C-alpha atoms as a PDB file:
ATOM      1  CA  MET A   1       0.000   0.000   0.000  1.00  0.00           C
ATOM      2  CA  TRP A   2       2.739   2.482   0.950  1.00  0.00           C
ATOM      3  CA  VAL A   3       4.625   1.614  -2.214  1.00  0.00           C
ATOM      4  CA  LEU A   4       1.611   2.674  -4.268  1.00  0.00           C
ATOM      5  CA  VAL A   5       1.284   5.937  -2.285  1.00  0.00           C
ATOM      6  CA  ASN A   6       4.969   6.688  -2.829  1.00  0.00           C
ATOM      7  CA  LEU A   7       4.640   5.952  -6.548  1.00  0.00           C
ATOM      8  CA  VAL A   8       1.608   8.260  -6.857  1.00  0.00           C
ATOM      9  CA  MET A   9       3.438  11.020  -4.973  1.00  0.00           C
ATOM     10  CA  LEU A  10       6.425  10.620  -7.280  1.00  0.00           C
ATOM     11  CA  VAL A  11       4.202  10.858 -10.365  1.00  0.00           C
ATOM     12  CA  VAL A  12       2.361  13.921  -9.039  1.00  0.00           C
ATOM     13  CA  ALA A  13       5.620  15.646  -8.121  1.00  0.00           C
ATOM     14  CA  SER A  14       7.061  14.861 -11.568  1.00  0.00           C
ATOM     15  CA  VAL A  15       3.996  16.247 -13.346  1.00  0.00           C
ATOM     16  CA  PHE A  16       4.110  19.372 -11.182  1.00  0.00           C
ATOM     17  CA  ALA A  17       7.827  19.876 -11.867  1.00  0.00           C
ATOM     18  CA  GLY A  18       7.287  19.352 -15.584  1.00  0.00           C
ATOM     19  CA  ALA A  19       4.460  21.888 -15.654  1.00  0.00           C
ATOM     20  CA  ALA A  20       6.610  24.406 -13.783  1.00  0.00           C
ATOM     21  CA  ALA A  21       9.485  23.869 -16.229  1.00  0.00           C
ATOM     22  CA  VAL A  22       7.187  24.388 -19.216  1.00  0.00           C
ATOM     23  CA  ALA A  23       5.755  27.553 -17.639  1.00  0.00           C
ATOM     24  CA  VAL A  24       9.216  29.014 -17.000  1.00  0.00           C
ATOM     25  CA  TYR A  25      10.312  28.096 -20.532  1.00  0.00           C
ATOM     26  CA  TRP A  26       7.213  29.778 -21.982  1.00  0.00           C
ATOM     27  CA  LEU A  27       7.798  32.931 -19.935  1.00  0.00           C
ATOM     28  CA  MET A  28      11.443  33.101 -21.020  1.00  0.00           C
ATOM     29  CA  LEU A  29      10.436  32.631 -24.654  1.00  0.00           C
ATOM     30  CA  ARG A  30       7.869  35.422 -24.425  1.00  0.00           C
ATOM     31  CA  ALA A  31      10.382  37.734 -22.738  1.00  0.00           C
ATOM     32  CA  THR A  32      12.966  37.001 -25.425  1.00  0.00           C
ATOM     33  CA  LEU A  33      10.505  37.792 -28.204  1.00  0.00           C
ATOM     34  CA  GLU A  34       9.435  41.001 -26.485  1.00  0.00           C
ATOM     35  CA  LEU A  35      13.051  42.120 -26.126  1.00  0.00           C
ATOM     36  CA  MET A  36      13.805  41.280 -29.756  1.00  0.00           C
ATOM     37  CA  ARG A  37      10.795  43.153 -31.113  1.00  0.00           C
ATOM     38  CA  PRO A  38      12.372  46.672 -31.038  1.00  0.00           C
ATOM     39  CA  ALA A  39      15.340  45.447 -33.069  1.00  0.00           C
ATOM     40  CA  ALA A  40      13.102  43.818 -35.666  1.00  0.00           C
ATOM     41  CA  VAL A  41      10.849  46.864 -36.060  1.00  0.00           C
ATOM     42  CA  ARG A  42      13.685  49.385 -36.295  1.00  0.00           C
ATOM     43  CA  THR A  43      13.579  51.232 -39.619  1.00  0.00           C
ATOM     44  CA  VAL A  44      16.438  52.335 -41.837  1.00  0.00           C
ATOM     45  CA  PRO A  45      17.034  56.130 -42.023  1.00  0.00           C
ATOM     46  CA  ALA A  46      15.895  57.752 -45.264  1.00  0.00           C
ATOM     47  CA  GLY A  47      19.442  58.419 -46.474  1.00  0.00           C
ATOM     48  CA  LEU A  48      20.371  54.744 -46.295  1.00  0.00           C
ATOM     49  CA  ALA A  49      17.310  53.344 -48.054  1.00  0.00           C
ATOM     50  CA  GLY A  50      18.054  51.131 -51.033  1.00  0.00           C
ATOM     51  CA  PRO A  51      19.968  47.925 -51.598  1.00  0.00           C
ATOM     52  CA  HIS A  52      22.926  49.632 -53.283  1.00  0.00           C
ATOM     53  CA  THR A  53      23.854  51.452 -50.085  1.00  0.00           C
ATOM     54  CA  LEU A  54      24.155  48.322 -47.970  1.00  0.00           C
ATOM     55  CA  TYR A  55      27.704  47.710 -49.168  1.00  0.00           C
ATOM     56  CA  ALA A  56      30.451  50.300 -49.058  1.00  0.00           C
ATOM     57  CA  ARG A  57      32.051  49.005 -52.257  1.00  0.00           C
ATOM     58  CA  SER A  58      31.076  46.583 -54.926  1.00  0.00           C
ATOM     59  CA  THR A  59      33.064  43.404 -55.406  1.00  0.00           C
ATOM     60  CA  ARG A  60      34.769  44.937 -58.426  1.00  0.00           C
ATOM     61  CA  GLY A  61      35.682  48.043 -56.437  1.00  0.00           C
ATOM     62  CA  ALA A  62      37.083  45.919 -53.633  1.00  0.00           C
ATOM     63  CA  ALA A  63      39.152  43.891 -56.082  1.00  0.00           C
ATOM     64  CA  LYS A  64      40.562  47.063 -57.689  1.00  0.00           C
ATOM     65  CA  SER A  65      41.557  48.574 -54.369  1.00  0.00           C
ATOM     66  CA  ASP A  66      43.120  45.287 -53.258  1.00  0.00           C
ATOM     67  CA  ALA A  67      45.106  45.144 -56.484  1.00  0.00           C
ATOM     68  CA  ARG A  68      46.341  48.708 -55.932  1.00  0.00           C
ATOM     69  CA  VAL A  69      47.447  47.857 -52.423  1.00  0.00           C
ATOM     70  CA  SER A  70      49.278  44.786 -53.735  1.00  0.00           C
ATOM     71  CA  VAL A  71      51.071  46.833 -56.420  1.00  0.00           C
ATOM     72  CA  ILE A  72      52.045  49.503 -53.907  1.00  0.00           C
ATOM     73  CA  ALA A  73      53.389  46.846 -51.550  1.00  0.00           C
ATOM     74  CA  LEU A  74      55.554  45.393 -54.334  1.00  0.00           C
ATOM     75  CA  VAL A  75      57.128  48.771 -55.199  1.00  0.00           C
END
């Protein structure tokens, strides 16, 4: 009889601990999403709008400047 009571208490405690873990996980997930929201909603200033302004130089421009640096280093 006492073995059955101990088993039931163990099951109830495990279910309670599992529910508490899920609740804490859910709260942490919600807090993370709330903290990330301002970064996701942030807009780009008007002067930087457009895909061509995302990179300082094109690949061709980077290759040309790298070549110039290499030539200068050889001289």
